[in-house]
């Protein structure tokens, strides 16, 4: 839009309308660049200030990397990692297989919600770590007790998020299905489950952190094996740098799994990204 003054030789004054201003390209760094800068800055600061800390009380990235090379050379890290992953994968997958259907049923049927909802809420709030000694008596000191601990600590976030997702489905969508005389299982499969997918994926992401913590707790309280054994043995020997190796490895694993779940969510529920209110910048 242009505005001219009253004189004949006046030059037009050009002003932009609001849509034109909003459509102007803005310079913004890609997300991965911002992430890399943030991570590099964190590790640089950690390296600088970590060198002034007593090695008994802390460590720094270069010392942790040197300890990582040592445990790789002596052959203890890789077997311990796969030993921990065995219980993690079994317990985590079982939590998803049980938690998603249970949350769908609780959220869909009021009778089931009234009967089981209180137990799910209580289980989520209960300090499940206190049950580990009892689980040891039930399952022994093998892999099964670790799977049980991982399952119990990760199933409730999946179940509750699914439950909340079903409760958030607009009633009008369900009424449309009923108006076409669709049976309950078709409404569940074609309407409720797709609408609940973003909530399910959020619960699955939350369960990753719970499952990693449960895996280490199980190894602390049961037979010392896996990455938990490296942490305990290094702490007992005041070898803080080696103790940080499995901790950093678990952080990387959890972050990678969370990112992978995010990619899967964008594939199975692309409409959620389109409806997001976050600024792309």
Foldseek 3Di string as FASTA:
>chain_A
DWDFDDDPPTDIDDDDDPVVVVPDDDDDDDPVVVVVVVVVVVLVVQQVVVVVDDLLVAHHDVLLVVLVVVCVVVVAAPVLAVQLVVLLVLLLVVLLVPQQVLLLVLLPDVVSVVVCVVVLVCLQPDPCLVCLVVLCVVPNQDSVSLSVQLNSQQNSLLNVLLSVQLNPQDPVQVVVCVVVVHDPVCCSVPPSVLSSLVSNLVSSLVSLVRNLVSSLSSCVVGPPGHLNVQLVVCSVVSNNSSNCNVVVVSVVVSVVVSVVSVVVSCVSNVVVVVPDPDDSD
